C-alpha atoms as a PDB file:
ATOM      1  CA  VAL A   1     140.974  99.734  99.512  1.00  0.00           C
ATOM      2  CA  GLN A   2     143.016 102.611  98.191  1.00  0.00           C
ATOM      3  CA  LEU A   3     141.740 104.809  95.410  1.00  0.00           C
ATOM      4  CA  VAL A   4     144.090 107.164  93.584  1.00  0.00           C
ATOM      5  CA  VAL A   5     142.232 109.886  91.746  1.00  0.00           C
ATOM      6  CA  SER A   6     143.805 112.147  89.167  1.00  0.00           C
ATOM      7  CA  GLY A   7     143.054 114.022  85.974  1.00  0.00           C
ATOM      8  CA  GLY A   8     141.306 117.172  87.098  1.00  0.00           C
ATOM      9  CA  GLY A   9     142.431 120.632  86.143  1.00  0.00           C
ATOM     10  CA  LEU A  10     141.597 124.001  84.685  1.00  0.00           C
ATOM     11  CA  VAL A  11     139.816 123.943  81.346  1.00  0.00           C
ATOM     12  CA  GLN A  12     138.009 126.462  79.178  1.00  0.00           C
ATOM     13  CA  PRO A  13     134.276 126.168  78.522  1.00  0.00           C
ATOM     14  CA  GLY A  14     133.644 123.573  75.850  1.00  0.00           C
ATOM     15  CA  GLY A  15     136.788 121.661  76.748  1.00  0.00           C
ATOM     16  CA  SER A  16     137.260 118.094  77.939  1.00  0.00           C
ATOM     17  CA  LEU A  17     138.939 116.189  80.748  1.00  0.00           C
ATOM     18  CA  THR A  18     139.131 112.532  81.763  1.00  0.00           C
ATOM     19  CA  PRO A  19     139.625 112.043  85.485  1.00  0.00           C
ATOM     20  CA  SER A  20     140.674 108.546  86.495  1.00  0.00           C
ATOM     21  CA  CYS A  21     140.402 106.480  89.659  1.00  0.00           C
ATOM     22  CA  ALA A  22     142.880 103.656  90.119  1.00  0.00           C
ATOM     23  CA  ALA A  23     142.090 101.059  92.771  1.00  0.00           C
ATOM     24  CA  SER A  24     144.442  98.866  94.739  1.00  0.00           C
ATOM     25  CA  GLY A  25     143.723  95.366  93.545  1.00  0.00           C
ATOM     26  CA  SER A  26     141.073  94.058  91.206  1.00  0.00           C
ATOM     27  CA  ILE A  27     138.008  96.201  90.597  1.00  0.00           C
ATOM     28  CA  SER A  28     135.951  93.164  89.626  1.00  0.00           C
ATOM     29  CA  ARG A  29     135.069  92.756  93.313  1.00  0.00           C
ATOM     30  CA  PHE A  30     133.184  96.050  93.349  1.00  0.00           C
ATOM     31  CA  SER A  31     129.478  95.771  92.644  1.00  0.00           C
ATOM     32  CA  VAL A  32     129.358  99.406  91.648  1.00  0.00           C
ATOM     33  CA  MET A  33     131.809 102.211  91.006  1.00  0.00           C
ATOM     34  CA  GLY A  34     130.877 105.818  90.577  1.00  0.00           C
ATOM     35  CA  TRP A  35     131.732 109.468  90.419  1.00  0.00           C
ATOM     36  CA  TYR A  36     130.335 112.238  92.579  1.00  0.00           C
ATOM     37  CA  ARG A  37     131.013 115.934  92.540  1.00  0.00           C
ATOM     38  CA  GLN A  38     130.772 118.745  95.031  1.00  0.00           C
ATOM     39  CA  ALA A  39     130.419 122.250  93.711  1.00  0.00           C
ATOM     40  CA  PRO A  40     131.357 125.237  95.870  1.00  0.00           C
ATOM     41  CA  GLY A  41     128.723 125.780  98.540  1.00  0.00           C
ATOM     42  CA  LYS A  42     126.751 122.681  97.558  1.00  0.00           C
ATOM     43  CA  GLN A  43     126.394 119.121  98.767  1.00  0.00           C
ATOM     44  CA  ARG A  44     128.187 116.220  97.167  1.00  0.00           C
ATOM     45  CA  ALA A  45     126.025 114.768  94.405  1.00  0.00           C
ATOM     46  CA  LEU A  46     126.065 111.664  92.236  1.00  0.00           C
ATOM     47  CA  VAL A  47     127.221 112.083  88.643  1.00  0.00           C
ATOM     48  CA  ALA A  48     127.516 108.606  87.153  1.00  0.00           C
ATOM     49  CA  THR A  49     127.788 104.938  88.081  1.00  0.00           C
ATOM     50  CA  ILE A  50     128.970 101.730  86.445  1.00  0.00           C
ATOM     51  CA  THR A  51     128.282  98.220  87.681  1.00  0.00           C
ATOM     52  CA  SER A  52     130.486  95.151  87.630  1.00  0.00           C
ATOM     53  CA  ARG A  53     128.673  94.208  84.400  1.00  0.00           C
ATOM     54  CA  SER A  54     129.475  97.635  82.931  1.00  0.00           C
ATOM     55  CA  ILE A  55     125.902  98.888  83.106  1.00  0.00           C
ATOM     56  CA  THR A  56     126.146 102.650  83.286  1.00  0.00           C
ATOM     57  CA  ASN A  57     123.880 105.383  84.539  1.00  0.00           C
ATOM     58  CA  ASN A  58     124.310 109.147  84.374  1.00  0.00           C
ATOM     59  CA  VAL A  59     122.298 111.825  86.064  1.00  0.00           C
ATOM     60  CA  ASP A  60     120.168 113.884  83.679  1.00  0.00           C
ATOM     61  CA  SER A  61     122.274 117.025  83.985  1.00  0.00           C
ATOM     62  CA  VAL A  62     125.319 115.336  82.427  1.00  0.00           C
ATOM     63  CA  LYS A  63     123.747 112.925  79.945  1.00  0.00           C
ATOM     64  CA  GLY A  64     125.316 113.256  76.532  1.00  0.00           C
ATOM     65  CA  ARG A  65     128.382 115.011  77.953  1.00  0.00           C
ATOM     66  CA  PHE A  66     129.823 112.665  80.592  1.00  0.00           C
ATOM     67  CA  THR A  67     130.839 109.048  80.034  1.00  0.00           C
ATOM     68  CA  ILE A  68     131.822 106.622  82.773  1.00  0.00           C
ATOM     69  CA  SER A  69     133.925 103.617  81.809  1.00  0.00           C
ATOM     70  CA  ARG A  70     136.135 100.999  83.386  1.00  0.00           C
ATOM     71  CA  ASP A  71     139.302  99.136  82.476  1.00  0.00           C
ATOM     72  CA  ASN A  72     139.494  95.950  84.496  1.00  0.00           C
ATOM     73  CA  ALA A  73     143.030  95.234  83.332  1.00  0.00           C
ATOM     74  CA  LYS A  74     144.192  98.543  84.791  1.00  0.00           C
ATOM     75  CA  ASN A  75     141.855  98.424  87.806  1.00  0.00           C
ATOM     76  CA  THR A  76     140.710 101.894  86.853  1.00  0.00           C
ATOM     77  CA  VAL A  77     137.435 103.723  86.330  1.00  0.00           C
ATOM     78  CA  TYR A  78     137.275 106.852  84.187  1.00  0.00           C
ATOM     79  CA  LEU A  79     134.951 109.785  83.768  1.00  0.00           C
ATOM     80  CA  GLY A  80     135.103 111.348  80.340  1.00  0.00           C
ATOM     81  CA  ILE A  81     133.719 114.856  80.613  1.00  0.00           C
ATOM     82  CA  HIS A  82     133.083 116.874  77.466  1.00  0.00           C
ATOM     83  CA  SER A  83     131.515 120.171  76.469  1.00  0.00           C
ATOM     84  CA  LEU A  84     132.362 121.485  79.898  1.00  0.00           C
ATOM     85  CA  LYS A  85     130.340 124.344  81.334  1.00  0.00           C
ATOM     86  CA  PRO A  86     131.221 126.716  84.177  1.00  0.00           C
ATOM     87  CA  GLU A  87     128.554 125.000  86.292  1.00  0.00           C
ATOM     88  CA  ASP A  88     130.564 121.765  86.044  1.00  0.00           C
ATOM     89  CA  THR A  89     133.182 123.361  88.274  1.00  0.00           C
ATOM     90  CA  ALA A  90     133.498 121.098  91.304  1.00  0.00           C
ATOM     91  CA  VAL A  91     135.692 118.641  93.131  1.00  0.00           C
ATOM     92  CA  TYR A  92     135.122 115.210  91.600  1.00  0.00           C
ATOM     93  CA  TYR A  93     135.237 112.123  93.824  1.00  0.00           C
ATOM     94  CA  CYS A  94     135.489 108.431  93.043  1.00  0.00           C
ATOM     95  CA  TYR A  95     133.381 105.952  95.013  1.00  0.00           C
ATOM     96  CA  VAL A  96     133.372 102.157  95.044  1.00  0.00           C
ATOM     97  CA  ASP A  97     131.174  99.646  96.828  1.00  0.00           C
ATOM     98  CA  ASP A  98     132.009  95.987  97.376  1.00  0.00           C
ATOM     99  CA  GLY A  99     128.557  95.123  98.611  1.00  0.00           C
ATOM    100  CA  ASN A 100     129.574  95.444 102.250  1.00  0.00           C
ATOM    101  CA  MET A 101     131.335  98.759 102.448  1.00  0.00           C
ATOM    102  CA  GLY A 102     131.816 101.902 100.414  1.00  0.00           C
ATOM    103  CA  TYR A 103     135.128 103.638  99.857  1.00  0.00           C
ATOM    104  CA  TRP A 104     135.953 107.149  98.747  1.00  0.00           C
ATOM    105  CA  GLY A 105     138.944 108.447  96.899  1.00  0.00           C
ATOM    106  CA  LYS A 106     140.342 111.916  97.397  1.00  0.00           C
ATOM    107  CA  GLY A 107     138.750 114.473  95.148  1.00  0.00           C
ATOM    108  CA  THR A 108     140.250 116.010  92.059  1.00  0.00           C
ATOM    109  CA  PRO A 109     139.261 119.600  91.288  1.00  0.00           C
ATOM    110  CA  VAL A 110     137.825 120.562  87.931  1.00  0.00           C
ATOM    111  CA  THR A 111     137.589 124.267  87.172  1.00  0.00           C
ATOM    112  CA  VAL A 112     135.858 125.486  84.041  1.00  0.00           C
ATOM    113  CA  SER A 113     136.738 129.066  83.287  1.00  0.00           C
ATOM    114  CA  SER A 114     137.817 131.253  80.423  1.00  0.00           C
END
């Protein structure tokens, strides 16, 4: 499984970004797809997940600001991030699980700064 992650960048507080994660082949085989982030000096932490039935879950710290979605036709999962805060600065990683193994994509950095 290859995961191509893109869409990070530098954004001012209050801004928005939509990182994407494109998988090789159909994403319908993945029981769950998700986004994690790792802030400077901290451990990698879960941000949001979406199941094969498009059931989503966000951690409390991003509820109302982050939206995970998937496009099966494009084999891609997205993370819409809005109302960005400096504490959202991190490298964002895509993760998929096919029920047997998990796979990570390379991270995309998001920097929130004025």
